Structures are given as C-alpha cells and as structure tokens.
Amino acid sequence: MLEHLPASIPKSLRLIAYASEPMPAQLITALLERMPNVQFVQFYGMIEHLCLTVMRPSEQLTKMGTVGHPMIGAELKILDADSDTTGDDMNGEIIARTPTLFGGYSQDPSATSQVMQEG
C-alpha cells in the first residue's frame, strides 16, 4: 500500500477512516509517519449493528491490535465458549446491543431467532 501513496500528500487531506479489523501495526505506523498531518480513525462493527467501536486518532499507536472503545449507546460484552462473561483482556465472542441494531431478517423469524439473544 505504501508504494501506491503519491509523492506529495494533499494538504486538504485531514482524515482517513478505516474499518472492519485492526490495521497491521507496521502499516499504521508507516502511514502515520508518512502523513503526520492526517488523522486516522478506525471503526469496527457488522452491517447488522453499524459501528460498534471506534479507535480515536490519538490511540492509533497506543492501542494497536484492538478495535477501540464502544460507540456511544453501544452495550458490549465478551462471552467465552460457555456463554459466560469474560474479563476485558480475554478472547471470546462479542455480544452487542445498540440503538442501531437491525430489527430482524425480513419475513424470516427463524433466522432472526438464531442470531438475536436477549432481545
């Protein structure tokens, strides 16, 4: 990706947003060095939720490998294989409730009940 950057970064470029997964540490570090006047923001979430988390520009180098903090209004918990809540630094499945959560699959209550838990 770095080899495709223009020789000169336009001064009008102020923000780059990226989503879906953490950017590799080597890449975000190189991009921040190459574009010191550009802020980077990471969003994480699925289409059913829209954004669940955000990593602010000031956290790009200090929170590498994470997906940031819950968005305003998002309730998140991480469950282990037994569906018990885990600690903050543990691996598991992210369960979310947000004001932007989809209401269900169109005319398919069976599919909806398979993915929706606790309302």
Protein backbone atom coordinates (compact mmCIF):
# COMPACT_ATOMS: atom_id res chain seq x y z
CA MET A 1 0.00 0.00 0.00
CA LEU A 2 2.77 2.44 0.87
CA GLU A 3 4.27 2.18 -2.59
CA HIS A 4 0.98 3.48 -4.02
CA LEU A 5 0.99 6.70 -1.99
CA PRO A 6 1.56 9.84 -4.04
CA ALA A 7 4.90 11.60 -3.65
CA SER A 8 3.07 14.55 -2.10
CA ILE A 9 0.10 14.21 0.27
CA PRO A 10 -2.54 16.89 -0.42
CA LYS A 11 -2.79 19.42 2.40
CA SER A 12 -6.57 19.15 2.17
CA LEU A 13 -6.43 15.50 3.34
CA ARG A 14 -7.21 15.62 7.05
CA LEU A 15 -8.82 12.29 7.93
CA ILE A 16 -8.68 8.67 6.82
CA ALA A 17 -11.25 6.28 8.27
CA TYR A 18 -10.82 2.53 8.02
CA ALA A 19 -12.98 -0.32 9.26
CA SER A 20 -13.59 -4.00 9.90
CA GLU A 21 -10.35 -5.08 11.55
CA PRO A 22 -7.25 -3.62 13.15
CA MET A 23 -4.69 -2.27 10.70
CA PRO A 24 -1.35 -4.11 10.92
CA ALA A 25 0.99 -2.29 13.31
CA GLN A 26 3.74 -1.90 10.72
CA LEU A 27 1.33 -0.37 8.20
CA ILE A 28 -0.40 2.12 10.54
CA THR A 29 2.98 3.18 11.94
CA ALA A 30 4.35 3.79 8.44
CA LEU A 31 1.22 5.66 7.34
CA LEU A 32 1.28 7.92 10.39
CA GLU A 33 4.96 8.68 9.77
CA ARG A 34 4.32 9.38 6.08
CA MET A 35 1.22 11.52 6.77
CA PRO A 36 1.79 13.28 10.12
CA ASN A 37 -0.94 15.87 9.46
CA VAL A 38 -3.62 13.28 8.69
CA GLN A 39 -5.74 11.78 11.46
CA PHE A 40 -6.72 8.11 11.28
CA VAL A 41 -9.92 6.69 12.80
CA GLN A 42 -10.83 3.01 12.97
CA PHE A 43 -14.42 1.78 13.11
CA TYR A 44 -15.49 -1.78 13.86
CA GLY A 45 -18.87 -3.41 13.50
CA MET A 46 -21.08 -5.56 11.35
CA ILE A 47 -23.76 -4.49 8.91
CA GLU A 48 -26.41 -5.60 11.43
CA HIS A 49 -25.01 -3.19 14.04
CA LEU A 50 -23.36 -0.44 12.01
CA CYS A 51 -20.43 0.74 14.13
CA LEU A 52 -19.81 -0.91 17.49
CA THR A 53 -16.44 0.59 18.35
CA VAL A 54 -14.17 3.45 17.42
CA MET A 55 -10.44 3.99 17.85
CA ARG A 56 -9.63 7.68 18.04
CA PRO A 57 -6.70 9.31 16.22
CA SER A 58 -4.76 9.69 19.48
CA GLU A 59 -4.96 5.93 20.10
CA GLN A 60 -3.62 4.67 16.77
CA LEU A 61 -0.16 3.88 18.15
CA THR A 62 -1.09 3.12 21.77
CA LYS A 63 -3.97 0.68 21.18
CA MET A 64 -2.60 -1.31 18.22
CA GLY A 65 -4.21 -4.70 17.76
CA THR A 66 -7.50 -3.61 19.32
CA VAL A 67 -10.73 -2.24 17.87
CA GLY A 68 -11.04 0.73 20.23
CA HIS A 69 -13.85 1.74 22.58
CA PRO A 70 -17.62 1.15 22.38
CA MET A 71 -19.50 3.77 20.40
CA ILE A 72 -21.91 5.99 22.32
CA GLY A 73 -25.03 3.95 23.07
CA ALA A 74 -23.41 0.56 22.41
CA GLU A 75 -23.54 -2.10 25.11
CA LEU A 76 -20.87 -4.77 24.61
CA LYS A 77 -19.83 -7.88 26.45
CA ILE A 78 -17.48 -10.70 25.60
CA LEU A 79 -18.61 -14.26 26.19
CA ASP A 80 -16.43 -17.35 26.46
CA ALA A 81 -17.29 -20.74 24.90
CA ASP A 82 -19.72 -21.44 27.78
CA SER A 83 -21.54 -18.11 27.23
CA ASP A 84 -20.11 -16.70 30.46
CA THR A 85 -18.86 -13.11 30.54
CA THR A 86 -15.07 -12.93 30.26
CA GLY A 87 -12.60 -10.36 31.53
CA ASP A 88 -11.60 -7.31 29.49
CA ASP A 89 -8.35 -8.89 28.28
CA MET A 90 -9.83 -12.27 27.37
CA ASN A 91 -10.78 -13.74 24.00
CA GLY A 92 -14.37 -14.59 23.18
CA GLU A 93 -17.45 -13.70 21.16
CA ILE A 94 -18.61 -10.07 21.16
CA ILE A 95 -22.29 -9.69 22.04
CA ALA A 96 -23.78 -6.26 21.38
CA ARG A 97 -26.92 -4.21 21.84
CA THR A 98 -27.13 -0.82 20.14
CA PRO A 99 -29.79 1.68 19.10
CA THR A 100 -28.77 0.93 15.50
CA LEU A 101 -29.17 -2.86 15.75
CA PHE A 102 -31.26 -4.32 12.95
CA GLY A 103 -34.77 -5.46 13.82
CA GLY A 104 -34.53 -8.87 12.19
CA TYR A 105 -34.40 -10.62 8.85
CA SER A 106 -37.30 -9.70 6.59
CA GLN A 107 -40.11 -12.25 6.90
CA ASP A 108 -37.75 -14.80 8.48
CA PRO A 109 -38.33 -15.05 12.24
CA SER A 110 -36.47 -18.37 12.39
CA ALA A 111 -33.25 -16.85 11.06
CA THR A 112 -33.72 -13.84 13.35
CA SER A 113 -34.12 -16.02 16.44
CA GLN A 114 -30.86 -17.82 15.60
CA VAL A 115 -28.80 -14.60 15.77
CA MET A 116 -30.68 -12.48 18.32
CA GLN A 117 -30.23 -13.13 22.03
CA GLU A 118 -31.93 -11.40 24.96
CA GLY A 119 -33.87 -9.02 22.74
